[in-house]
Amino acid sequence: MTEDDPADLNALDAQLKAARERNPAPESRSGPAEDKSGMATGMRLSAELLAGVLLGLGIGWALDRWLGTAPWLLLVFLLLGTVAGILNVIRSGNKLDAK
């Protein structure tokens, strides 16, 4: 058997088609699409909030180390990052409500 033998590839293709007919793809067996989209939306919103907080922490920590003002800039940017994350979640939620 060689790698590029067309007969072997055709046989494999026929076996794959038969297996797909016997076992449909998981997407076609799943429940309503709303469940998936709700879970995806929740994960996206939580990721946006977490990203804002972590970015604020990172910027504040870096500035504190650079300027020697620990822990003040860390606290200020943590607060700003949290507020930015919450505002992003609110904006995204309002866009979803509009749809």
N, C-alpha and C. Protein backbone atom coordinates (compact mmCIF):
# COMPACT_ATOMS: atom_id res chain seq x y z
N MET A 1 0.85 -1.17 0.00
CA MET A 1 0.00 0.00 0.00
C MET A 1 0.89 1.23 0.00
N THR A 2 0.67 2.12 -0.94
CA THR A 2 1.42 3.36 -1.01
C THR A 2 0.58 4.48 -0.40
N GLU A 3 1.23 5.60 -0.11
CA GLU A 3 0.53 6.71 0.52
C GLU A 3 -0.54 7.31 -0.37
N ASP A 4 -0.30 7.40 -1.64
CA ASP A 4 -1.20 8.10 -2.55
C ASP A 4 -2.02 7.16 -3.43
N ASP A 5 -2.27 5.96 -2.97
CA ASP A 5 -3.03 5.00 -3.75
C ASP A 5 -4.50 5.44 -3.79
N PRO A 6 -5.03 5.78 -4.98
CA PRO A 6 -6.41 6.27 -5.08
C PRO A 6 -7.44 5.25 -4.62
N ALA A 7 -7.18 3.97 -4.82
CA ALA A 7 -8.15 2.95 -4.41
C ALA A 7 -8.29 2.95 -2.89
N ASP A 8 -7.18 3.08 -2.17
CA ASP A 8 -7.23 3.11 -0.72
C ASP A 8 -7.94 4.37 -0.23
N LEU A 9 -7.68 5.49 -0.89
CA LEU A 9 -8.34 6.73 -0.50
C LEU A 9 -9.83 6.67 -0.76
N ASN A 10 -10.23 6.07 -1.87
CA ASN A 10 -11.66 5.93 -2.17
C ASN A 10 -12.34 5.02 -1.16
N ALA A 11 -11.66 3.94 -0.76
CA ALA A 11 -12.23 3.03 0.23
C ALA A 11 -12.37 3.73 1.58
N LEU A 12 -11.37 4.50 1.94
CA LEU A 12 -11.43 5.24 3.19
C LEU A 12 -12.56 6.27 3.14
N ASP A 13 -12.73 6.94 2.02
CA ASP A 13 -13.80 7.91 1.86
C ASP A 13 -15.17 7.24 2.01
N ALA A 14 -15.32 6.08 1.43
CA ALA A 14 -16.59 5.35 1.54
C ALA A 14 -16.86 4.95 2.99
N GLN A 15 -15.82 4.53 3.70
CA GLN A 15 -15.99 4.15 5.11
C GLN A 15 -16.37 5.37 5.96
N LEU A 16 -15.75 6.50 5.69
CA LEU A 16 -16.08 7.71 6.44
C LEU A 16 -17.52 8.15 6.19
N LYS A 17 -17.96 8.08 4.94
CA LYS A 17 -19.35 8.45 4.61
C LYS A 17 -20.33 7.53 5.32
N ALA A 18 -20.04 6.24 5.35
CA ALA A 18 -20.92 5.28 6.02
C ALA A 18 -20.96 5.54 7.52
N ALA A 19 -19.82 5.86 8.12
CA ALA A 19 -19.78 6.14 9.55
C ALA A 19 -20.54 7.42 9.88
N ARG A 20 -20.44 8.42 9.02
CA ARG A 20 -21.17 9.67 9.26
C ARG A 20 -22.67 9.46 9.15
N GLU A 21 -23.11 8.58 8.27
CA GLU A 21 -24.54 8.31 8.15
C GLU A 21 -25.06 7.58 9.38
N ARG A 22 -24.25 6.66 9.92
CA ARG A 22 -24.66 5.92 11.12
C ARG A 22 -24.65 6.81 12.36
N ASN A 23 -23.67 7.70 12.47
CA ASN A 23 -23.52 8.57 13.64
C ASN A 23 -23.47 10.02 13.19
N PRO A 24 -24.59 10.74 13.29
CA PRO A 24 -24.59 12.14 12.85
C PRO A 24 -23.66 12.98 13.73
N ALA A 25 -23.31 14.13 13.20
CA ALA A 25 -22.41 15.05 13.92
C ALA A 25 -23.05 15.51 15.22
N PRO A 26 -22.26 15.80 16.25
CA PRO A 26 -22.82 16.22 17.54
C PRO A 26 -23.69 17.47 17.45
N GLU A 27 -23.42 18.38 16.52
CA GLU A 27 -24.22 19.59 16.41
C GLU A 27 -25.68 19.28 16.08
N SER A 28 -25.90 18.25 15.29
CA SER A 28 -27.27 17.94 14.89
C SER A 28 -28.01 17.19 15.99
N ARG A 29 -27.29 16.63 16.97
CA ARG A 29 -27.94 15.91 18.06
C ARG A 29 -28.19 16.79 19.28
N SER A 30 -27.63 17.96 19.31
CA SER A 30 -27.71 18.80 20.51
C SER A 30 -29.08 19.45 20.62
N GLY A 31 -29.30 20.10 21.78
CA GLY A 31 -30.56 20.77 22.06
C GLY A 31 -30.66 22.08 21.31
N PRO A 32 -31.51 22.96 21.82
CA PRO A 32 -31.71 24.24 21.14
C PRO A 32 -30.45 25.10 21.14
N ALA A 33 -30.34 25.92 20.11
CA ALA A 33 -29.15 26.76 19.95
C ALA A 33 -29.08 27.84 21.02
N GLU A 34 -30.21 28.20 21.63
CA GLU A 34 -30.21 29.25 22.64
C GLU A 34 -29.37 28.87 23.84
N ASP A 35 -29.34 27.59 24.21
CA ASP A 35 -28.54 27.16 25.35
C ASP A 35 -27.07 27.44 25.09
N LYS A 36 -26.61 27.11 23.90
CA LYS A 36 -25.21 27.33 23.56
C LYS A 36 -24.90 28.82 23.53
N SER A 37 -25.77 29.61 22.94
CA SER A 37 -25.48 31.02 22.80
C SER A 37 -25.53 31.71 24.16
N GLY A 38 -26.39 31.27 25.05
CA GLY A 38 -26.44 31.84 26.39
C GLY A 38 -25.17 31.54 27.16
N MET A 39 -24.69 30.33 27.03
CA MET A 39 -23.44 29.95 27.71
C MET A 39 -22.27 30.74 27.12
N ALA A 40 -22.24 30.87 25.81
CA ALA A 40 -21.17 31.63 25.16
C ALA A 40 -21.22 33.10 25.56
N THR A 41 -22.41 33.65 25.65
CA THR A 41 -22.55 35.04 26.05
C THR A 41 -22.07 35.25 27.48
N GLY A 42 -22.45 34.35 28.36
CA GLY A 42 -22.01 34.45 29.75
C GLY A 42 -20.50 34.36 29.88
N MET A 43 -19.91 33.46 29.13
CA MET A 43 -18.44 33.31 29.17
C MET A 43 -17.77 34.56 28.61
N ARG A 44 -18.32 35.11 27.54
CA ARG A 44 -17.73 36.31 26.95
C ARG A 44 -17.82 37.50 27.90
N LEU A 45 -18.97 37.66 28.54
CA LEU A 45 -19.13 38.78 29.47
C LEU A 45 -18.22 38.63 30.68
N SER A 46 -18.09 37.43 31.20
CA SER A 46 -17.19 37.24 32.34
C SER A 46 -15.73 37.44 31.91
N ALA A 47 -15.39 37.06 30.70
CA ALA A 47 -14.02 37.27 30.22
C ALA A 47 -13.73 38.76 30.06
N GLU A 48 -14.73 39.54 29.61
CA GLU A 48 -14.53 40.98 29.49
C GLU A 48 -14.31 41.63 30.84
N LEU A 49 -15.07 41.20 31.84
CA LEU A 49 -14.90 41.74 33.18
C LEU A 49 -13.53 41.37 33.74
N LEU A 50 -13.16 40.12 33.60
CA LEU A 50 -11.87 39.66 34.10
C LEU A 50 -10.71 40.34 33.39
N ALA A 51 -10.85 40.56 32.09
CA ALA A 51 -9.79 41.23 31.33
C ALA A 51 -9.59 42.66 31.82
N GLY A 52 -10.66 43.37 32.10
CA GLY A 52 -10.53 44.73 32.61
C GLY A 52 -9.82 44.77 33.95
N VAL A 53 -10.19 43.86 34.85
CA VAL A 53 -9.56 43.82 36.16
C VAL A 53 -8.08 43.45 36.05
N LEU A 54 -7.78 42.42 35.26
CA LEU A 54 -6.38 41.99 35.13
C LEU A 54 -5.52 43.03 34.43
N LEU A 55 -6.07 43.70 33.46
CA LEU A 55 -5.31 44.75 32.77
C LEU A 55 -5.02 45.91 33.72
N GLY A 56 -6.01 46.29 34.51
CA GLY A 56 -5.80 47.34 35.50
C GLY A 56 -4.74 46.94 36.52
N LEU A 57 -4.80 45.69 36.99
CA LEU A 57 -3.79 45.19 37.92
C LEU A 57 -2.40 45.23 37.30
N GLY A 58 -2.29 44.77 36.07
CA GLY A 58 -0.99 44.72 35.40
C GLY A 58 -0.39 46.11 35.20
N ILE A 59 -1.20 47.05 34.75
CA ILE A 59 -0.70 48.40 34.51
C ILE A 59 -0.31 49.05 35.84
N GLY A 60 -1.15 48.90 36.87
CA GLY A 60 -0.84 49.48 38.16
C GLY A 60 0.41 48.90 38.78
N TRP A 61 0.56 47.60 38.68
CA TRP A 61 1.75 46.93 39.23
C TRP A 61 3.01 47.41 38.51
N ALA A 62 2.95 47.47 37.17
CA ALA A 62 4.11 47.89 36.40
C ALA A 62 4.49 49.34 36.72
N LEU A 63 3.50 50.22 36.80
CA LEU A 63 3.79 51.62 37.11
C LEU A 63 4.34 51.77 38.54
N ASP A 64 3.80 51.01 39.48
CA ASP A 64 4.32 51.05 40.85
C ASP A 64 5.78 50.61 40.91
N ARG A 65 6.11 49.57 40.19
CA ARG A 65 7.51 49.10 40.19
C ARG A 65 8.42 50.12 39.52
N TRP A 66 7.93 50.74 38.47
CA TRP A 66 8.75 51.69 37.72
C TRP A 66 8.94 53.00 38.50
N LEU A 67 7.84 53.49 39.10
CA LEU A 67 7.89 54.78 39.79
C LEU A 67 8.14 54.66 41.30
N GLY A 68 8.06 53.46 41.85
CA GLY A 68 8.28 53.26 43.28
C GLY A 68 7.18 53.84 44.15
N THR A 69 5.95 53.76 43.70
CA THR A 69 4.82 54.34 44.44
C THR A 69 3.92 53.27 45.04
N ALA A 70 4.43 52.06 45.23
CA ALA A 70 3.60 50.95 45.70
C ALA A 70 2.87 51.30 46.97
N PRO A 71 1.68 50.87 47.14
CA PRO A 71 0.72 50.18 46.30
C PRO A 71 -0.31 51.10 45.67
N TRP A 72 -0.06 52.39 45.64
CA TRP A 72 -1.09 53.34 45.28
C TRP A 72 -1.55 53.24 43.83
N LEU A 73 -0.64 53.18 42.90
CA LEU A 73 -1.06 53.09 41.50
C LEU A 73 -1.73 51.75 41.21
N LEU A 74 -1.28 50.71 41.90
CA LEU A 74 -1.93 49.40 41.75
C LEU A 74 -3.39 49.50 42.15
N LEU A 75 -3.65 50.13 43.27
CA LEU A 75 -5.04 50.27 43.74
C LEU A 75 -5.87 51.15 42.80
N VAL A 76 -5.28 52.24 42.34
CA VAL A 76 -6.00 53.15 41.44
C VAL A 76 -6.35 52.43 40.14
N PHE A 77 -5.37 51.73 39.54
CA PHE A 77 -5.64 51.07 38.27
C PHE A 77 -6.50 49.82 38.43
N LEU A 78 -6.46 49.20 39.61
CA LEU A 78 -7.39 48.10 39.88
C LEU A 78 -8.82 48.62 39.87
N LEU A 79 -9.02 49.75 40.50
CA LEU A 79 -10.36 50.36 40.51
C LEU A 79 -10.78 50.76 39.10
N LEU A 80 -9.88 51.39 38.36
CA LEU A 80 -10.21 51.79 36.98
C LEU A 80 -10.49 50.57 36.09
N GLY A 81 -9.70 49.53 36.24
CA GLY A 81 -9.92 48.32 35.45
C GLY A 81 -11.24 47.66 35.77
N THR A 82 -11.60 47.65 37.06
CA THR A 82 -12.89 47.08 37.45
C THR A 82 -14.04 47.88 36.87
N VAL A 83 -13.95 49.19 36.95
CA VAL A 83 -15.01 50.05 36.39
C VAL A 83 -15.10 49.86 34.88
N ALA A 84 -13.95 49.79 34.21
CA ALA A 84 -13.96 49.59 32.75
C ALA A 84 -14.56 48.23 32.40
N GLY A 85 -14.23 47.20 33.16
CA GLY A 85 -14.79 45.87 32.91
C GLY A 85 -16.30 45.86 33.09
N ILE A 86 -16.78 46.51 34.15
CA ILE A 86 -18.23 46.56 34.40
C ILE A 86 -18.93 47.34 33.29
N LEU A 87 -18.34 48.45 32.86
CA LEU A 87 -18.95 49.21 31.76
C LEU A 87 -18.99 48.41 30.47
N ASN A 88 -17.95 47.62 30.20
CA ASN A 88 -17.96 46.76 29.00
C ASN A 88 -19.06 45.72 29.09
N VAL A 89 -19.26 45.15 30.26
CA VAL A 89 -20.32 44.15 30.44
C VAL A 89 -21.68 44.80 30.25
N ILE A 90 -21.87 45.99 30.79
CA ILE A 90 -23.15 46.69 30.64
C ILE A 90 -23.42 47.02 29.17
N ARG A 91 -22.39 47.52 28.47
CA ARG A 91 -22.56 47.83 27.04
C ARG A 91 -22.90 46.58 26.23
N SER A 92 -22.20 45.50 26.49
CA SER A 92 -22.47 44.26 25.76
C SER A 92 -23.86 43.73 26.08
N GLY A 93 -24.26 43.83 27.33
CA GLY A 93 -25.60 43.40 27.71
C GLY A 93 -26.68 44.22 27.04
N ASN A 94 -26.44 45.51 26.94
CA ASN A 94 -27.43 46.37 26.26
C ASN A 94 -27.52 46.04 24.77
N LYS A 95 -26.40 45.70 24.15
CA LYS A 95 -26.44 45.29 22.74
C LYS A 95 -27.24 44.01 22.57
N LEU A 96 -27.09 43.08 23.52
CA LEU A 96 -27.84 41.82 23.43
C LEU A 96 -29.33 42.05 23.62
N ASP A 97 -29.67 42.98 24.54
CA ASP A 97 -31.08 43.29 24.75
C ASP A 97 -31.71 43.93 23.53
N ALA A 98 -30.92 44.71 22.80
CA ALA A 98 -31.43 45.36 21.60
C ALA A 98 -31.77 44.34 20.52
N LYS A 99 -31.02 43.24 20.50
CA LYS A 99 -31.27 42.20 19.49
C LYS A 99 -32.51 41.45 19.88
